[in-house]
C-alpha atoms as a PDB file:
ATOM      1  CA  UNK A   1       1.654 -25.731  -1.556  1.00  0.00           C
ATOM      2  CA  UNK A   2       1.128 -23.096  -4.247  1.00  0.00           C
ATOM      3  CA  UNK A   3       3.443 -20.129  -4.606  1.00  0.00           C
ATOM      4  CA  UNK A   4       0.528 -17.686  -4.713  1.00  0.00           C
ATOM      5  CA  UNK A   5      -0.667 -18.694  -1.225  1.00  0.00           C
ATOM      6  CA  UNK A   6       2.801 -18.208   0.212  1.00  0.00           C
ATOM      7  CA  UNK A   7       2.887 -14.820  -1.492  1.00  0.00           C
ATOM      8  CA  UNK A   8      -0.485 -13.814  -0.028  1.00  0.00           C
ATOM      9  CA  UNK A   9       0.430 -14.902   3.511  1.00  0.00           C
ATOM     10  CA  UNK A  10       3.794 -13.122   3.355  1.00  0.00           C
ATOM     11  CA  UNK A  11       2.024  -9.989   2.123  1.00  0.00           C
ATOM     12  CA  UNK A  12      -0.474 -10.161   4.993  1.00  0.00           C
ATOM     13  CA  UNK A  13       2.385 -10.436   7.473  1.00  0.00           C
ATOM     14  CA  UNK A  14       4.065  -7.398   5.919  1.00  0.00           C
ATOM     15  CA  UNK A  15       0.786  -5.463   6.199  1.00  0.00           C
ATOM     16  CA  UNK A  16       0.296  -6.678   9.813  1.00  0.00           C
ATOM     17  CA  UNK A  17      -3.053  -8.275   8.937  1.00  0.00           C
ATOM     18  CA  UNK A  18      -3.869 -10.750  11.711  1.00  0.00           C
ATOM     19  CA  UNK A  19      -7.680 -10.706  11.583  1.00  0.00           C
ATOM     20  CA  UNK A  20      -9.045 -11.219   8.079  1.00  0.00           C
ATOM     21  CA  UNK A  21     -12.023 -12.145   5.931  1.00  0.00           C
ATOM     22  CA  UNK A  22     -12.015 -14.429   2.883  1.00  0.00           C
ATOM     23  CA  UNK A  23     -14.451 -14.448  -0.032  1.00  0.00           C
ATOM     24  CA  UNK A  24     -13.973 -17.239  -2.529  1.00  0.00           C
ATOM     25  CA  UNK A  25     -15.739 -18.887  -5.433  1.00  0.00           C
ATOM     26  CA  UNK A  26     -17.453 -22.159  -4.519  1.00  0.00           C
ATOM     27  CA  UNK A  27     -15.501 -24.224  -7.043  1.00  0.00           C
ATOM     28  CA  UNK A  28     -12.292 -26.241  -7.059  1.00  0.00           C
ATOM     29  CA  UNK A  29     -10.148 -23.120  -7.476  1.00  0.00           C
ATOM     30  CA  UNK A  30     -11.765 -21.118  -4.688  1.00  0.00           C
ATOM     31  CA  UNK A  31     -12.351 -23.909  -2.179  1.00  0.00           C
ATOM     32  CA  UNK A  32      -8.919 -25.449  -2.720  1.00  0.00           C
ATOM     33  CA  UNK A  33      -7.133 -22.153  -2.164  1.00  0.00           C
ATOM     34  CA  UNK A  34      -9.272 -21.321   0.871  1.00  0.00           C
ATOM     35  CA  UNK A  35      -8.519 -24.676   2.521  1.00  0.00           C
ATOM     36  CA  UNK A  36      -4.789 -24.261   1.965  1.00  0.00           C
ATOM     37  CA  UNK A  37      -4.902 -20.654   3.174  1.00  0.00           C
ATOM     38  CA  UNK A  38      -6.633 -21.790   6.358  1.00  0.00           C
ATOM     39  CA  UNK A  39      -3.744 -24.171   7.120  1.00  0.00           C
ATOM     40  CA  UNK A  40      -1.108 -21.555   6.400  1.00  0.00           C
ATOM     41  CA  UNK A  41      -2.728 -18.762   8.404  1.00  0.00           C
ATOM     42  CA  UNK A  42      -3.246 -21.040  11.404  1.00  0.00           C
ATOM     43  CA  UNK A  43       0.512 -21.652  11.549  1.00  0.00           C
ATOM     44  CA  UNK A  44       1.205 -17.910  11.221  1.00  0.00           C
ATOM     45  CA  UNK A  45      -1.277 -16.784  13.928  1.00  0.00           C
ATOM     46  CA  UNK A  46      -3.544 -15.063  11.408  1.00  0.00           C
ATOM     47  CA  UNK A  47      -7.224 -15.474  12.247  1.00  0.00           C
ATOM     48  CA  UNK A  48      -9.800 -15.987   9.471  1.00  0.00           C
ATOM     49  CA  UNK A  49     -12.737 -14.347  11.239  1.00  0.00           C
ATOM     50  CA  UNK A  50     -15.090 -14.302   8.249  1.00  0.00           C
ATOM     51  CA  UNK A  51     -15.527 -16.518   5.199  1.00  0.00           C
ATOM     52  CA  UNK A  52     -18.092 -16.657   2.414  1.00  0.00           C
ATOM     53  CA  UNK A  53     -18.290 -19.083  -0.524  1.00  0.00           C
ATOM     54  CA  UNK A  54     -19.853 -17.542  -3.647  1.00  0.00           C
ATOM     55  CA  UNK A  55     -21.834 -19.917  -5.862  1.00  0.00           C
ATOM     56  CA  UNK A  56     -21.042 -19.836  -9.567  1.00  0.00           C
ATOM     57  CA  UNK A  57     -23.697 -20.790 -12.143  1.00  0.00           C
ATOM     58  CA  UNK A  58     -22.607 -21.077 -15.779  1.00  0.00           C
ATOM     59  CA  UNK A  59     -19.536 -19.022 -14.937  1.00  0.00           C
ATOM     60  CA  UNK A  60     -21.574 -16.174 -13.421  1.00  0.00           C
ATOM     61  CA  UNK A  61     -21.969 -15.082  -9.805  1.00  0.00           C
ATOM     62  CA  UNK A  62     -25.278 -13.804  -8.463  1.00  0.00           C
ATOM     63  CA  UNK A  63     -25.065 -10.078  -7.583  1.00  0.00           C
ATOM     64  CA  UNK A  64     -27.621 -10.664  -4.821  1.00  0.00           C
ATOM     65  CA  UNK A  65     -25.434 -13.312  -3.233  1.00  0.00           C
ATOM     66  CA  UNK A  66     -22.455 -10.985  -3.455  1.00  0.00           C
ATOM     67  CA  UNK A  67     -24.495  -8.263  -1.719  1.00  0.00           C
ATOM     68  CA  UNK A  68     -25.248 -10.730   1.069  1.00  0.00           C
ATOM     69  CA  UNK A  69     -21.547 -11.533   1.423  1.00  0.00           C
ATOM     70  CA  UNK A  70     -20.477  -7.867   1.571  1.00  0.00           C
ATOM     71  CA  UNK A  71     -23.269  -6.895   3.981  1.00  0.00           C
ATOM     72  CA  UNK A  72     -22.330  -9.794   6.259  1.00  0.00           C
ATOM     73  CA  UNK A  73     -18.725  -8.658   6.171  1.00  0.00           C
ATOM     74  CA  UNK A  74     -19.678  -5.066   7.011  1.00  0.00           C
ATOM     75  CA  UNK A  75     -21.929  -6.128   9.893  1.00  0.00           C
ATOM     76  CA  UNK A  76     -19.380  -8.524  11.379  1.00  0.00           C
ATOM     77  CA  UNK A  77     -19.731  -7.804  15.090  1.00  0.00           C
ATOM     78  CA  UNK A  78     -16.508  -9.201  16.548  1.00  0.00           C
ATOM     79  CA  UNK A  79     -13.117  -7.502  16.447  1.00  0.00           C
ATOM     80  CA  UNK A  80     -12.500  -5.317  13.402  1.00  0.00           C
ATOM     81  CA  UNK A  81     -11.458  -7.221  10.300  1.00  0.00           C
ATOM     82  CA  UNK A  82      -8.390  -5.515   8.854  1.00  0.00           C
ATOM     83  CA  UNK A  83      -8.235  -7.078   5.398  1.00  0.00           C
ATOM     84  CA  UNK A  84     -10.042  -9.201   2.837  1.00  0.00           C
ATOM     85  CA  UNK A  85      -8.542 -11.952   0.666  1.00  0.00           C
ATOM     86  CA  UNK A  86     -10.401 -12.808  -2.556  1.00  0.00           C
ATOM     87  CA  UNK A  87     -10.059 -16.025  -4.576  1.00  0.00           C
ATOM     88  CA  UNK A  88     -12.086 -15.341  -7.692  1.00  0.00           C
ATOM     89  CA  UNK A  89     -12.098 -14.873 -11.436  1.00  0.00           C
ATOM     90  CA  UNK A  90     -11.811 -11.445 -13.003  1.00  0.00           C
ATOM     91  CA  UNK A  91     -15.564 -11.235 -13.615  1.00  0.00           C
ATOM     92  CA  UNK A  92     -16.403 -12.152 -10.013  1.00  0.00           C
ATOM     93  CA  UNK A  93     -13.807  -9.679  -8.711  1.00  0.00           C
ATOM     94  CA  UNK A  94     -15.379  -6.917 -10.821  1.00  0.00           C
ATOM     95  CA  UNK A  95     -18.835  -7.661  -9.378  1.00  0.00           C
ATOM     96  CA  UNK A  96     -17.373  -7.695  -5.861  1.00  0.00           C
ATOM     97  CA  UNK A  97     -15.698  -4.303  -6.352  1.00  0.00           C
ATOM     98  CA  UNK A  98     -18.864  -2.784  -7.797  1.00  0.00           C
ATOM     99  CA  UNK A  99     -21.084  -3.947  -4.916  1.00  0.00           C
ATOM    100  CA  UNK A 100     -18.483  -3.219  -2.223  1.00  0.00           C
ATOM    101  CA  UNK A 101     -18.143   0.304  -3.645  1.00  0.00           C
ATOM    102  CA  UNK A 102     -21.910   0.869  -3.595  1.00  0.00           C
ATOM    103  CA  UNK A 103     -22.189  -0.471  -0.038  1.00  0.00           C
ATOM    104  CA  UNK A 104     -19.310   1.770   1.132  1.00  0.00           C
ATOM    105  CA  UNK A 105     -17.082  -1.054   2.299  1.00  0.00           C
ATOM    106  CA  UNK A 106     -13.723   0.327   3.393  1.00  0.00           C
ATOM    107  CA  UNK A 107     -11.236  -2.471   3.738  1.00  0.00           C
ATOM    108  CA  UNK A 108      -7.844  -3.434   2.376  1.00  0.00           C
ATOM    109  CA  UNK A 109      -7.968  -6.236  -0.196  1.00  0.00           C
ATOM    110  CA  UNK A 110      -5.655  -8.845  -1.683  1.00  0.00           C
ATOM    111  CA  UNK A 111      -6.782 -10.547  -4.894  1.00  0.00           C
ATOM    112  CA  UNK A 112      -5.373 -13.879  -6.036  1.00  0.00           C
ATOM    113  CA  UNK A 113      -3.959 -14.491  -9.501  1.00  0.00           C
ATOM    114  CA  UNK A 114      -7.404 -15.615 -10.716  1.00  0.00           C
ATOM    115  CA  UNK A 115      -8.280 -11.955 -11.246  1.00  0.00           C
ATOM    116  CA  UNK A 116      -4.816 -10.658 -12.120  1.00  0.00           C
ATOM    117  CA  UNK A 117      -5.921  -9.534 -15.599  1.00  0.00           C
ATOM    118  CA  UNK A 118      -8.629  -7.193 -14.332  1.00  0.00           C
ATOM    119  CA  UNK A 119      -6.870  -4.120 -15.782  1.00  0.00           C
ATOM    120  CA  UNK A 120      -6.579  -0.500 -14.704  1.00  0.00           C
ATOM    121  CA  UNK A 121      -9.536   0.720 -16.794  1.00  0.00           C
ATOM    122  CA  UNK A 122     -11.848  -1.502 -14.759  1.00  0.00           C
ATOM    123  CA  UNK A 123     -10.228  -0.666 -11.418  1.00  0.00           C
ATOM    124  CA  UNK A 124     -10.508   3.079 -12.040  1.00  0.00           C
ATOM    125  CA  UNK A 125     -14.302   2.767 -11.873  1.00  0.00           C
ATOM    126  CA  UNK A 126     -14.275   1.762  -8.203  1.00  0.00           C
ATOM    127  CA  UNK A 127     -12.881   3.958  -5.429  1.00  0.00           C
ATOM    128  CA  UNK A 128     -12.504   0.934  -3.154  1.00  0.00           C
ATOM    129  CA  UNK A 129     -10.044  -0.623  -5.613  1.00  0.00           C
ATOM    130  CA  UNK A 130      -7.470   2.038  -4.738  1.00  0.00           C
ATOM    131  CA  UNK A 131      -4.974   0.470  -2.376  1.00  0.00           C
ATOM    132  CA  UNK A 132      -5.786  -3.143  -3.260  1.00  0.00           C
ATOM    133  CA  UNK A 133      -3.035  -5.669  -3.979  1.00  0.00           C
ATOM    134  CA  UNK A 134      -3.001  -8.130  -6.859  1.00  0.00           C
ATOM    135  CA  UNK A 135      -0.810 -11.223  -7.002  1.00  0.00           C
ATOM    136  CA  UNK A 136       0.134 -12.199 -10.507  1.00  0.00           C
ATOM    137  CA  UNK A 137       2.345 -14.477 -12.528  1.00  0.00           C
ATOM    138  CA  UNK A 138       5.202 -12.469 -14.066  1.00  0.00           C
ATOM    139  CA  UNK A 139       4.095 -10.116 -16.812  1.00  0.00           C
ATOM    140  CA  UNK A 140       5.677 -10.357 -20.252  1.00  0.00           C
ATOM    141  CA  UNK A 141       4.937  -7.200 -22.197  1.00  0.00           C
ATOM    142  CA  UNK A 142       5.759  -7.052 -25.909  1.00  0.00           C
ATOM    143  CA  UNK A 143       5.620  -3.387 -26.909  1.00  0.00           C
ATOM    144  CA  UNK A 144       5.747  -4.167 -30.635  1.00  0.00           C
ATOM    145  CA  UNK A 145       2.812  -6.589 -30.341  1.00  0.00           C
ATOM    146  CA  UNK A 146       0.707  -4.185 -28.257  1.00  0.00           C
ATOM    147  CA  UNK A 147       1.562  -1.229 -30.492  1.00  0.00           C
ATOM    148  CA  UNK A 148       0.685  -3.181 -33.642  1.00  0.00           C
ATOM    149  CA  UNK A 149      -2.786  -4.109 -32.393  1.00  0.00           C
ATOM    150  CA  UNK A 150      -3.425  -0.732 -30.814  1.00  0.00           C
ATOM    151  CA  UNK A 151      -2.879   0.909 -34.199  1.00  0.00           C
ATOM    152  CA  UNK A 152      -5.225  -1.543 -35.895  1.00  0.00           C
ATOM    153  CA  UNK A 153      -7.969  -1.311 -33.274  1.00  0.00           C
ATOM    154  CA  UNK A 154      -7.920   2.466 -32.843  1.00  0.00           C
ATOM    155  CA  UNK A 155      -7.449   3.627 -36.434  1.00  0.00           C
ATOM    156  CA  UNK A 156     -10.432   2.858 -38.667  1.00  0.00           C
ATOM    157  CA  UNK A 157      -8.473   3.209 -41.913  1.00  0.00           C
ATOM    158  CA  UNK A 158      -5.754   0.792 -40.778  1.00  0.00           C
ATOM    159  CA  UNK A 159      -8.402  -1.575 -39.396  1.00  0.00           C
ATOM    160  CA  UNK A 160     -10.309  -1.717 -42.697  1.00  0.00           C
ATOM    161  CA  UNK A 161      -7.083  -2.299 -44.640  1.00  0.00           C
ATOM    162  CA  UNK A 162      -6.150  -5.175 -42.347  1.00  0.00           C
ATOM    163  CA  UNK A 163      -9.677  -6.647 -42.334  1.00  0.00           C
ATOM    164  CA  UNK A 164      -9.799  -6.596 -46.157  1.00  0.00           C
ATOM    165  CA  UNK A 165      -7.136  -9.304 -46.263  1.00  0.00           C
ATOM    166  CA  UNK A 166      -8.072 -10.927 -42.967  1.00  0.00           C
ATOM    167  CA  UNK A 167     -11.852 -11.584 -42.601  1.00  0.00           C
ATOM    168  CA  UNK A 168     -11.166 -13.282 -39.261  1.00  0.00           C
ATOM    169  CA  UNK A 169     -10.265  -9.929 -37.702  1.00  0.00           C
ATOM    170  CA  UNK A 170     -13.657  -8.245 -38.082  1.00  0.00           C
ATOM    171  CA  UNK A 171     -15.496 -11.385 -36.941  1.00  0.00           C
ATOM    172  CA  UNK A 172     -13.458 -11.683 -33.758  1.00  0.00           C
ATOM    173  CA  UNK A 173     -13.542  -7.963 -32.916  1.00  0.00           C
ATOM    174  CA  UNK A 174     -17.335  -7.905 -33.389  1.00  0.00           C
ATOM    175  CA  UNK A 175     -17.664 -10.455 -30.579  1.00  0.00           C
ATOM    176  CA  UNK A 176     -16.163  -8.010 -28.090  1.00  0.00           C
ATOM    177  CA  UNK A 177     -17.900  -4.784 -29.117  1.00  0.00           C
ATOM    178  CA  UNK A 178     -21.576  -3.964 -29.526  1.00  0.00           C
ATOM    179  CA  UNK A 179     -21.434  -2.584 -33.069  1.00  0.00           C
ATOM    180  CA  UNK A 180     -20.426  -3.552 -36.601  1.00  0.00           C
ATOM    181  CA  UNK A 181     -16.635  -3.362 -36.692  1.00  0.00           C
ATOM    182  CA  UNK A 182     -16.722  -2.004 -40.259  1.00  0.00           C
ATOM    183  CA  UNK A 183     -18.919   0.996 -39.401  1.00  0.00           C
ATOM    184  CA  UNK A 184     -17.102   4.339 -39.195  1.00  0.00           C
ATOM    185  CA  UNK A 185     -18.633   5.169 -35.800  1.00  0.00           C
ATOM    186  CA  UNK A 186     -17.722   1.795 -34.284  1.00  0.00           C
ATOM    187  CA  UNK A 187     -14.503   1.706 -32.256  1.00  0.00           C
ATOM    188  CA  UNK A 188     -12.616  -0.991 -30.382  1.00  0.00           C
ATOM    189  CA  UNK A 189     -10.425   1.570 -28.598  1.00  0.00           C
ATOM    190  CA  UNK A 190     -11.471   0.584 -25.058  1.00  0.00           C
ATOM    191  CA  UNK A 191     -10.729  -3.083 -25.694  1.00  0.00           C
ATOM    192  CA  UNK A 192      -7.395  -2.236 -27.281  1.00  0.00           C
ATOM    193  CA  UNK A 193      -6.055  -0.217 -24.353  1.00  0.00           C
ATOM    194  CA  UNK A 194      -6.742  -2.653 -21.484  1.00  0.00           C
ATOM    195  CA  UNK A 195      -3.579  -4.703 -20.901  1.00  0.00           C
ATOM    196  CA  UNK A 196      -4.118  -8.372 -20.113  1.00  0.00           C
ATOM    197  CA  UNK A 197      -1.520 -10.230 -18.053  1.00  0.00           C
ATOM    198  CA  UNK A 198      -2.006 -13.366 -20.155  1.00  0.00           C
ATOM    199  CA  UNK A 199      -1.297 -11.541 -23.415  1.00  0.00           C
ATOM    200  CA  UNK A 200       2.434 -12.098 -23.049  1.00  0.00           C
ATOM    201  CA  UNK A 201       1.964 -15.800 -22.355  1.00  0.00           C
ATOM    202  CA  UNK A 202      -0.145 -16.132 -25.512  1.00  0.00           C
ATOM    203  CA  UNK A 203       2.679 -14.510 -27.481  1.00  0.00           C
ATOM    204  CA  UNK A 204       5.248 -16.842 -25.883  1.00  0.00           C
ATOM    205  CA  UNK A 205       3.039 -19.872 -26.636  1.00  0.00           C
ATOM    206  CA  UNK A 206       2.899 -18.797 -30.282  1.00  0.00           C
ATOM    207  CA  UNK A 207       6.685 -18.438 -30.322  1.00  0.00           C
ATOM    208  CA  UNK A 208       7.059 -21.966 -28.912  1.00  0.00           C
ATOM    209  CA  UNK A 209       4.666 -23.377 -31.524  1.00  0.00           C
ATOM    210  CA  UNK A 210       6.548 -21.590 -34.306  1.00  0.00           C
ATOM    211  CA  UNK A 211       9.917 -22.894 -33.041  1.00  0.00           C
ATOM    212  CA  UNK A 212       8.563 -26.469 -32.854  1.00  0.00           C
ATOM    213  CA  UNK A 213       7.353 -26.280 -36.467  1.00  0.00           C
ATOM    214  CA  UNK A 214      10.619 -24.677 -37.581  1.00  0.00           C
ATOM    215  CA  UNK A 215      12.658 -27.427 -35.919  1.00  0.00           C
ATOM    216  CA  UNK A 216      10.354 -30.095 -37.338  1.00  0.00           C
ATOM    217  CA  UNK A 217      10.725 -28.613 -40.828  1.00  0.00           C
ATOM    218  CA  UNK A 218      14.515 -28.635 -40.508  1.00  0.00           C
ATOM    219  CA  UNK A 219      14.507 -32.276 -39.341  1.00  0.00           C
ATOM    220  CA  UNK A 220      11.974 -33.436 -41.913  1.00  0.00           C
ATOM    221  CA  UNK A 221      12.753 -31.360 -44.977  1.00  0.00           C
ATOM    222  CA  UNK A 222      16.478 -30.773 -44.625  1.00  0.00           C
ATOM    223  CA  UNK A 223      16.444 -27.109 -45.561  1.00  0.00           C
ATOM    224  CA  UNK A 224      14.036 -27.516 -48.482  1.00  0.00           C
ATOM    225  CA  UNK A 225      11.692 -24.586 -48.986  1.00  0.00           C
ATOM    226  CA  UNK A 226       7.991 -25.154 -48.428  1.00  0.00           C
ATOM    227  CA  UNK A 227       6.185 -28.187 -47.058  1.00  0.00           C
ATOM    228  CA  UNK A 228       7.766 -31.565 -47.752  1.00  0.00           C
ATOM    229  CA  UNK A 229       5.890 -34.884 -47.753  1.00  0.00           C
ATOM    230  CA  UNK A 230       7.529 -36.139 -44.544  1.00  0.00           C
ATOM    231  CA  UNK A 231       6.510 -33.080 -42.564  1.00  0.00           C
ATOM    232  CA  UNK A 232       3.018 -33.118 -44.044  1.00  0.00           C
ATOM    233  CA  UNK A 233       2.665 -36.765 -43.006  1.00  0.00           C
ATOM    234  CA  UNK A 234       3.814 -35.975 -39.471  1.00  0.00           C
ATOM    235  CA  UNK A 235       1.316 -33.139 -39.101  1.00  0.00           C
ATOM    236  CA  UNK A 236      -1.605 -35.167 -40.464  1.00  0.00           C
ATOM    237  CA  UNK A 237      -0.917 -38.723 -39.303  1.00  0.00           C
ATOM    238  CA  UNK A 238       1.802 -38.794 -36.638  1.00  0.00           C
ATOM    239  CA  UNK A 239       0.895 -36.484 -33.792  1.00  0.00           C
ATOM    240  CA  UNK A 240       3.210 -38.361 -31.413  1.00  0.00           C
ATOM    241  CA  UNK A 241       6.212 -37.339 -33.549  1.00  0.00           C
ATOM    242  CA  UNK A 242       5.154 -33.707 -33.293  1.00  0.00           C
ATOM    243  CA  UNK A 243       4.848 -34.011 -29.517  1.00  0.00           C
ATOM    244  CA  UNK A 244       8.233 -35.741 -29.311  1.00  0.00           C
ATOM    245  CA  UNK A 245       9.818 -32.979 -31.376  1.00  0.00           C
ATOM    246  CA  UNK A 246       8.142 -30.396 -29.159  1.00  0.00           C
ATOM    247  CA  UNK A 247       9.614 -31.888 -26.006  1.00  0.00           C
ATOM    248  CA  UNK A 248      13.104 -31.429 -27.448  1.00  0.00           C
ATOM    249  CA  UNK A 249      12.433 -27.833 -28.449  1.00  0.00           C
ATOM    250  CA  UNK A 250      14.364 -25.140 -26.618  1.00  0.00           C
ATOM    251  CA  UNK A 251      13.450 -21.486 -27.055  1.00  0.00           C
ATOM    252  CA  UNK A 252      15.996 -18.834 -26.056  1.00  0.00           C
ATOM    253  CA  UNK A 253      16.060 -15.054 -26.148  1.00  0.00           C
ATOM    254  CA  UNK A 254      17.448 -15.217 -29.689  1.00  0.00           C
ATOM    255  CA  UNK A 255      14.141 -16.712 -30.859  1.00  0.00           C
ATOM    256  CA  UNK A 256      11.986 -13.962 -29.346  1.00  0.00           C
ATOM    257  CA  UNK A 257      11.264 -10.333 -30.334  1.00  0.00           C
ATOM    258  CA  UNK A 258      13.971  -7.873 -29.314  1.00  0.00           C
ATOM    259  CA  UNK A 259      11.587  -5.761 -27.235  1.00  0.00           C
ATOM    260  CA  UNK A 260      11.223  -8.544 -24.634  1.00  0.00           C
ATOM    261  CA  UNK A 261      14.831  -7.806 -23.686  1.00  0.00           C
ATOM    262  CA  UNK A 262      15.128 -10.605 -21.153  1.00  0.00           C
ATOM    263  CA  UNK A 263      17.738 -13.358 -20.921  1.00  0.00           C
ATOM    264  CA  UNK A 264      15.559 -16.431 -20.513  1.00  0.00           C
ATOM    265  CA  UNK A 265      14.833 -19.823 -22.054  1.00  0.00           C
ATOM    266  CA  UNK A 266      11.702 -21.951 -22.471  1.00  0.00           C
ATOM    267  CA  UNK A 267      11.776 -25.727 -22.366  1.00  0.00           C
ATOM    268  CA  UNK A 268       9.426 -28.613 -21.650  1.00  0.00           C
ATOM    269  CA  UNK A 269       9.644 -30.642 -18.443  1.00  0.00           C
ATOM    270  CA  UNK A 270       9.082 -34.409 -18.263  1.00  0.00           C
ATOM    271  CA  UNK A 271       5.369 -33.645 -18.020  1.00  0.00           C
ATOM    272  CA  UNK A 272       3.272 -31.446 -20.306  1.00  0.00           C
ATOM    273  CA  UNK A 273       4.425 -28.328 -18.472  1.00  0.00           C
ATOM    274  CA  UNK A 274       6.708 -25.669 -19.868  1.00  0.00           C
ATOM    275  CA  UNK A 275       9.398 -24.119 -17.701  1.00  0.00           C
ATOM    276  CA  UNK A 276      10.586 -20.547 -18.188  1.00  0.00           C
ATOM    277  CA  UNK A 277      14.148 -20.218 -16.939  1.00  0.00           C
ATOM    278  CA  UNK A 278      15.978 -16.951 -16.575  1.00  0.00           C
ATOM    279  CA  UNK A 279      15.789 -13.451 -15.205  1.00  0.00           C
ATOM    280  CA  UNK A 280      12.110 -13.504 -14.268  1.00  0.00           C
ATOM    281  CA  UNK A 281      10.513 -14.024 -10.814  1.00  0.00           C
ATOM    282  CA  UNK A 282       8.047 -16.770  -9.967  1.00  0.00           C
ATOM    283  CA  UNK A 283       5.427 -14.238  -8.896  1.00  0.00           C
ATOM    284  CA  UNK A 284       4.818 -10.511  -8.707  1.00  0.00           C
ATOM    285  CA  UNK A 285       2.654  -8.311  -6.490  1.00  0.00           C
ATOM    286  CA  UNK A 286       1.007  -5.164  -7.842  1.00  0.00           C
ATOM    287  CA  UNK A 287      -0.511  -2.289  -5.865  1.00  0.00           C
ATOM    288  CA  UNK A 288      -3.295  -0.191  -7.393  1.00  0.00           C
ATOM    289  CA  UNK A 289      -2.411   3.359  -6.418  1.00  0.00           C
ATOM    290  CA  UNK A 290      -1.340   6.774  -7.756  1.00  0.00           C
ATOM    291  CA  UNK A 291       1.216   6.318 -10.515  1.00  0.00           C
ATOM    292  CA  UNK A 292       4.826   6.916  -9.545  1.00  0.00           C
ATOM    293  CA  UNK A 293       5.761   8.428 -12.928  1.00  0.00           C
ATOM    294  CA  UNK A 294       2.442   9.743 -14.320  1.00  0.00           C
ATOM    295  CA  UNK A 295       0.954  12.429 -12.086  1.00  0.00           C
ATOM    296  CA  UNK A 296      -2.827  12.356 -11.747  1.00  0.00           C
ATOM    297  CA  UNK A 297      -3.229   8.779 -12.991  1.00  0.00           C
ATOM    298  CA  UNK A 298      -3.745   5.486 -11.170  1.00  0.00           C
ATOM    299  CA  UNK A 299      -1.554   2.482 -11.964  1.00  0.00           C
ATOM    300  CA  UNK A 300      -0.916  -1.099 -11.015  1.00  0.00           C
ATOM    301  CA  UNK A 301       2.561  -0.488  -9.629  1.00  0.00           C
ATOM    302  CA  UNK A 302       4.910  -3.422  -9.132  1.00  0.00           C
ATOM    303  CA  UNK A 303       5.809  -3.505  -5.429  1.00  0.00           C
ATOM    304  CA  UNK A 304       7.315  -6.947  -4.934  1.00  0.00           C
ATOM    305  CA  UNK A 305       8.863  -9.836  -6.839  1.00  0.00           C
ATOM    306  CA  UNK A 306       9.103 -13.354  -5.474  1.00  0.00           C
ATOM    307  CA  UNK A 307      11.708 -15.815  -6.697  1.00  0.00           C
ATOM    308  CA  UNK A 308      11.332 -18.506  -4.052  1.00  0.00           C
ATOM    309  CA  UNK A 309       9.840 -18.763  -0.582  1.00  0.00           C
END
C-alpha cells in the first residue's frame, strides 16, 4: 500500500470528507491508485459516489472528455459530493483546473503526487485552485542552485556570457520558450521562477553520481590527478564495476551544499532504489492559500508532514 494513498485518506478524514468523487487517468498510475483508494475508503466508511477515468493519448488528455467529466460531476444528482480526489499528471491537472474554473465547479480538491510540481504560477490562474491540497514527496530546495539559474535566465548579459562557453544552454532553453534565446527581447523569466518539486531530487542525483565517480577515482587511481587507465577502462568496458562501486557509495550532509542544511544520508538498498535517511518526512501535504508571511500573495503552504502511518 503506497504512502500517498494513506496520506490522502487521512487527509479526507481530517477534512470530514465522507462522500467524494475521483477523477483519474486511464493508465497504470491512475487506475492502480483508484483501485487501492477504493479498498481503503471502503474500510474507512468513505463513499466514492462518482468516478471518471480520463483517456490519455500520446500523453495528452482530451479537453472535451474533461468537460464531460466535470459536467457529470456538477450534475451528480445524489447527495452532495464534498470533495474530489485527482490522480493525474501535472498537465492533466492543469487542464482539469482550467475547465473546472470555466464551468464554475466549486469543490474541495486533493491532488496526488503525480501533479505535485504544478507550481504556484500555474495555480494562480485558476480561482478554483485556491484551497486545494497537494500531496508531495519531501521538497529539497537548494537556494544556491535556484539563485544561480535565476540570475542566468533573467539577466540577458549573464545569459549570453554563460551561453558563449556553453552552447548546450541556449539549445535547451530554446525548447521551453517560443523565441530565440539569444535575442534581446527574448526572456526565460517565467520558466526560471516556477519551482519544481523534482528539482531538488535532480540535484541530489547529480551529487550521488559525482560521489560515485569520486570514490571510483580514489579506488582506481590512488590519488593521482586526472583520469587513470584503470578508471577509464571501468567506465568504458566494465559497467558492472561502476554499479558495484555505486552500491557501496554513501552520501552524507558533508558531501552536499551547505544551503541544504539537513542532517541526512543517501545510500543504495539491495535493489536499484536509493534510500534517503535523516531528518526528512516520507511525505508532505501542501495547501494552496493566502501566504502566511507574504501579504497579498498565494502560496503552497506546508500544512502536514508524514513520517509513517
